[in-house]
Protein backbone atom coordinates (compact mmCIF):
# COMPACT_ATOMS: atom_id res chain seq x y z
CA MET A 1 0.00 0.00 0.00
CA SER A 2 1.50 3.35 -1.08
CA THR A 3 1.80 6.35 1.21
CA SER A 4 1.21 9.86 -0.09
CA ALA A 5 3.60 12.72 0.59
CA GLY A 6 0.96 14.31 2.76
CA ASP A 7 0.63 11.15 4.84
CA ARG A 8 4.38 10.92 5.25
CA SER A 9 4.53 14.56 6.32
CA ASP A 10 1.78 14.06 8.90
CA SER A 11 3.36 10.87 10.28
CA THR A 12 6.73 12.53 10.84
CA ARG A 13 5.30 15.78 12.10
CA GLY A 14 2.85 14.23 14.59
CA PRO A 15 5.32 12.82 17.12
CA SER A 16 7.41 16.00 17.11
CA VAL A 17 4.33 18.08 17.90
CA ILE A 18 3.51 15.83 20.86
CA VAL A 19 7.08 16.08 22.12
CA ASN A 20 7.00 19.87 21.83
CA VAL A 21 3.71 20.03 23.73
CA LEU A 22 5.18 17.98 26.57
CA ARG A 23 8.34 20.10 26.62
CA ILE A 24 6.23 23.26 26.89
CA ILE A 25 4.14 21.83 29.75
CA ARG A 26 7.32 20.85 31.60
CA CYS A 27 8.53 24.47 31.52
CA PHE A 28 6.04 25.22 34.30
CA THR A 29 7.63 24.35 37.64
CA VAL A 30 7.07 25.06 41.33
CA ASP A 31 9.81 27.69 41.24
CA GLU A 32 8.56 29.20 37.96
CA PRO A 33 4.80 28.61 37.82
CA GLU A 34 4.19 31.41 35.29
CA GLN A 35 5.88 31.67 31.92
CA GLY A 36 5.79 34.06 28.99
CA VAL A 37 5.83 33.01 25.35
CA THR A 38 9.38 34.34 24.84
CA GLU A 39 10.69 32.49 27.89
CA ILE A 40 9.13 29.22 26.79
CA ALA A 41 10.40 29.63 23.22
CA GLU A 42 13.95 30.09 24.50
CA LYS A 43 13.73 27.05 26.78
CA VAL A 44 12.33 24.64 24.21
CA GLY A 45 14.10 26.04 21.15
CA LEU A 46 10.99 26.84 19.13
CA HIS A 47 9.90 29.98 17.33
CA LYS A 48 7.55 32.18 19.34
CA SER A 49 4.79 31.75 16.77
CA SER A 50 4.92 27.96 17.19
CA VAL A 51 4.82 28.27 20.98
CA SER A 52 1.87 30.67 20.75
CA ARG A 53 -0.10 28.23 18.59
CA ILE A 54 0.53 25.33 20.96
CA LEU A 55 -0.36 27.44 24.00
CA ALA A 56 -3.58 28.59 22.32
CA THR A 57 -4.62 24.97 21.83
CA LEU A 58 -3.66 24.04 25.39
CA GLU A 59 -5.66 27.01 26.67
CA GLN A 60 -8.73 25.82 24.79
CA GLU A 61 -8.40 22.48 26.58
CA HIS A 62 -7.81 24.24 29.95
CA VAL A 63 -4.38 22.64 30.26
CA VAL A 64 -2.94 26.14 30.61
CA GLU A 65 -4.54 29.48 31.41
CA GLN A 66 -3.40 33.01 30.71
CA ASP A 67 -3.32 35.89 33.15
CA PRO A 68 -5.27 38.67 31.38
CA ARG A 69 -3.16 41.35 33.06
CA THR A 70 0.38 40.04 32.58
CA ARG A 71 -0.37 37.86 29.52
CA ARG A 72 1.75 35.14 31.11
CA PHE A 73 0.67 31.52 31.24
CA ARG A 74 0.32 29.00 34.06
CA LEU A 75 -0.90 25.41 34.26
CA GLY A 76 -4.68 24.97 34.31
CA LEU A 77 -7.08 22.66 36.03
CA GLY A 78 -7.53 20.61 32.87
CA LEU A 79 -4.39 18.71 33.82
CA ILE A 80 -6.16 17.30 36.86
CA ALA A 81 -8.84 15.79 34.65
CA VAL A 82 -6.13 14.11 32.58
CA ALA A 83 -4.15 12.83 35.57
CA GLY A 84 -7.13 12.05 37.78
CA PRO A 85 -7.68 8.40 36.71
CA LEU A 86 -4.01 7.58 37.29
CA LEU A 87 -3.81 9.38 40.62
CA ALA A 88 -6.95 7.65 41.83
CA GLN A 89 -5.36 4.26 41.17
CA LEU A 90 -2.12 5.01 43.04
CA ASP A 91 -2.61 3.06 46.24
CA VAL A 92 0.30 4.03 48.48
CA ARG A 93 0.57 0.52 49.91
CA GLN A 94 0.89 -1.07 46.50
CA VAL A 95 3.28 1.60 45.25
CA ALA A 96 5.55 1.28 48.30
CA VAL A 97 6.18 -2.49 48.30
CA ASP A 98 9.24 -2.55 46.04
CA ASP A 99 10.97 0.30 47.88
CA LEU A 100 10.22 -1.27 51.26
CA GLN A 101 11.77 -4.49 50.03
CA THR A 102 14.85 -2.64 48.80
CA LEU A 103 15.17 -0.79 52.12
CA ALA A 104 14.96 -4.04 54.10
CA GLU A 105 17.57 -5.70 51.89
CA LEU A 106 19.89 -2.69 52.04
CA THR A 107 19.80 -2.30 55.82
CA GLY A 108 19.00 -5.82 56.97
CA GLU A 109 16.24 -4.44 59.19
CA THR A 110 12.45 -4.52 59.17
CA SER A 111 10.83 -1.89 56.96
CA ALA A 112 7.18 -0.92 57.20
CA LEU A 113 4.61 1.56 55.95
CA ALA A 114 2.16 3.42 58.19
CA VAL A 115 -0.76 5.72 57.44
CA TRP A 116 -2.48 8.27 59.67
CA ASN A 117 -6.15 7.78 60.57
CA GLY A 118 -6.55 11.09 62.38
CA GLU A 119 -5.53 9.87 65.82
CA ALA A 120 -3.01 7.07 65.34
CA ALA A 121 -0.33 5.72 63.02
CA VAL A 122 -1.53 2.43 61.51
CA THR A 123 0.83 -0.22 60.07
CA VAL A 124 -0.42 -1.27 56.63
CA GLU A 125 2.60 -3.01 55.07
CA GLN A 126 5.80 -4.65 56.30
CA VAL A 127 8.93 -6.42 55.08
CA PRO A 128 10.56 -8.32 57.98
CA SER A 129 14.30 -8.26 58.66
CA ARG A 130 16.34 -11.22 57.43
CA HIS A 131 17.91 -11.57 60.89
CA GLN A 132 16.62 -14.09 63.41
CA ILE A 133 16.34 -11.36 66.05
CA LYS A 134 14.18 -8.58 64.65
CA HIS A 135 11.35 -6.21 65.44
CA THR A 136 8.04 -6.54 63.61
CA SER A 137 4.45 -5.52 64.23
CA ILE A 138 1.07 -6.94 63.33
CA LEU A 139 -0.49 -5.33 60.27
CA GLY A 140 -3.24 -3.00 61.43
CA SER A 141 -1.44 -2.12 64.68
CA HIS A 142 -2.26 1.39 65.95
CA TYR A 143 0.40 3.59 67.53
CA ARG A 144 -0.57 6.56 69.68
CA THR A 145 2.60 7.17 71.72
CA ALA A 146 4.07 10.58 71.06
CA LEU A 147 7.67 9.38 70.69
CA SER A 148 6.82 6.64 68.21
CA SER A 149 8.82 7.64 65.13
CA THR A 150 5.84 7.36 62.78
CA VAL A 151 3.65 9.43 65.10
CA GLN A 152 6.38 12.08 65.21
CA VAL A 153 6.43 12.21 61.42
CA PHE A 154 2.67 12.63 61.08
CA LEU A 155 2.34 15.18 63.88
CA SER A 156 5.31 17.19 62.63
CA HIS A 157 3.41 17.91 59.43
CA LEU A 158 0.16 18.96 61.09
CA GLU A 159 -0.56 22.52 62.14
CA ALA A 160 1.11 23.15 65.50
CA ALA A 161 -2.26 23.84 67.15
CA GLU A 162 -3.68 20.53 65.90
CA ALA A 163 -0.64 18.57 67.08
CA GLU A 164 -0.79 20.29 70.46
CA GLN A 165 -4.49 19.49 70.82
CA LEU A 166 -3.92 15.79 70.08
CA VAL A 167 -1.21 15.61 72.74
CA SER A 168 -2.93 17.80 75.32
CA SER A 169 -6.18 15.85 75.04
CA GLY A 170 -4.41 12.53 75.59
CA THR A 171 -5.34 11.18 72.16
CA ILE A 172 -1.59 10.97 71.59
CA GLN A 173 0.11 9.79 74.76
CA LEU A 174 3.09 11.93 75.77
CA GLU A 175 5.73 9.98 77.66
CA ASP A 176 6.56 10.85 81.29
CA GLY A 177 9.04 13.68 81.75
CA TRP A 178 8.04 15.54 78.59
CA GLU A 179 6.36 18.93 78.42
CA VAL A 180 4.09 19.67 75.48
CA SER A 181 6.19 22.69 74.47
CA ALA A 182 9.38 20.60 74.41
CA TYR A 183 7.63 17.96 72.34
CA LEU A 184 6.48 20.56 69.80
CA ASP A 185 10.10 21.72 69.54
CA ARG A 186 11.06 18.13 68.80
CA LEU A 187 8.46 17.97 66.03
CA ALA A 188 10.00 21.09 64.49
CA GLU A 189 13.38 19.34 64.48
CA VAL A 190 11.85 16.28 62.80
CA ARG A 191 10.31 18.46 60.11
CA GLU A 192 13.63 20.21 59.51
CA ARG A 193 15.74 17.01 59.45
CA GLY A 194 13.32 15.06 57.28
CA TRP A 195 13.10 11.96 59.49
CA ALA A 196 12.24 11.03 63.09
CA ILE A 197 14.05 8.93 65.70
CA ASN A 198 12.65 6.70 68.42
CA ASP A 199 15.72 5.61 70.38
CA ARG A 200 14.28 3.10 72.89
CA ALA A 201 11.70 5.67 74.03
CA THR A 202 8.72 3.31 73.64
CA SER A 203 10.50 -0.05 73.93
CA GLU A 204 13.73 -0.55 75.84
CA ASP A 205 15.33 -2.76 73.21
CA GLU A 206 14.00 -1.23 69.96
CA VAL A 207 15.18 1.69 67.84
CA SER A 208 13.23 3.02 64.88
CA VAL A 209 13.44 5.81 62.33
CA SER A 210 10.68 7.13 60.07
CA ALA A 211 10.35 9.51 57.13
CA PRO A 212 7.33 11.06 55.38
CA VAL A 213 5.87 9.95 52.07
CA ARG A 214 4.19 12.72 50.06
CA ASP A 215 1.54 12.43 47.37
CA HIS A 216 1.05 14.44 44.16
CA ARG A 217 -0.42 17.33 46.19
CA GLY A 218 2.62 17.51 48.44
CA GLN A 219 0.61 16.21 51.39
CA VAL A 220 2.00 13.55 53.75
CA ALA A 221 0.23 10.35 52.73
CA ALA A 222 2.22 7.81 54.75
CA ALA A 223 5.42 7.21 56.68
CA VAL A 224 8.18 4.70 56.02
CA LEU A 225 9.54 3.07 59.18
CA LEU A 226 12.72 1.10 59.81
CA ALA A 227 12.89 -0.87 63.07
CA ALA A 228 15.93 -2.60 64.59
CA PRO A 229 17.22 -4.02 67.88
CA PHE A 230 19.13 -1.31 69.73
CA TYR A 231 22.48 -3.12 69.49
CA ARG A 232 22.35 -2.96 65.68
CA ALA A 233 21.39 0.72 65.62
CA GLY A 234 23.86 2.66 67.74
CA ASP A 235 24.83 6.31 67.50
CA GLU A 236 26.99 5.71 64.42
CA GLN A 237 24.38 3.65 62.55
CA LEU A 238 21.35 5.84 63.27
CA PRO A 239 22.17 8.68 60.83
CA VAL A 240 22.85 6.14 58.09
CA LEU A 241 19.59 4.30 58.76
CA GLY A 242 17.74 7.61 58.87
CA GLN A 243 19.09 8.67 55.47
CA CYS A 244 18.31 5.27 53.95
CA THR A 245 14.75 5.51 55.25
CA LYS A 246 14.35 9.04 53.91
CA GLN A 247 15.64 7.96 50.50
CA ALA A 248 13.09 5.12 50.41
CA ALA A 249 10.29 7.52 51.42
CA ASP A 250 11.38 10.00 48.74
CA ALA A 251 11.40 7.25 46.11
CA ILE A 252 7.83 6.26 47.03
CA SER A 253 6.84 9.93 46.96
CA ARG A 254 8.12 10.26 43.40
CA ARG A 255 6.09 7.20 42.39
CA LEU A 256 3.02 8.94 43.81
CA GLY A 257 3.72 12.01 41.70
CA ALA A 258 5.29 14.26 44.34
CA LEU A 259 7.48 17.00 42.94
CA GLN A 260 11.16 16.62 43.66
CA GLU A 261 12.70 19.22 45.93
CA GLY A 262 15.45 21.40 44.59
């Protein structure tokens, strides 16, 4: 079957148009949410007239929108309609399994995933340590102790007033010897560091670290936990385990569509 010149032209031009559309969409970032036609043209290497035509089509489909005052473009809500079916299918538990397995193999310790139900951290997935002596929990276990590493992660990303209310009301149980104000300071440190430590605070022979998992909205959707006997997680090992846990949480976050920092 012969192919006309027009058909050949369309078949070669089609893919390049799609690529250019994607390149234009990717120009919009968290740091630069608004773009002008000239800026986009320089970034993607297209003539301004070509960029204008593509943006006009994207605007018709609500993928981008234009500020009537500045004439600059930003992403539109039409993208949510496109991504919605995929995002709805991204079950954090299913997405996290491979990275939890990798974390357990890398460290030799038990890795787990917890979600927040509004008043407790709940274990929903787990990969046990390969060692004979290890720390595990029953799936569905609820943790409400303030110094639990997963609880620290979840509370550190709530509004301070909400975290304080949960602790002050007793919903989250603050360990003896701690003042609420000191605990809130600890949560600020967790948020800044990017992972939480529970160094035998809730169990005399267990150490754990946890890091937040974020979804496509940037919200904390879960926490990755790594649990080990205290003698395998001393002062020298803890920072390493914490960074490994954070890297696993960040990898899961990327799978969920979270934007990369930096």
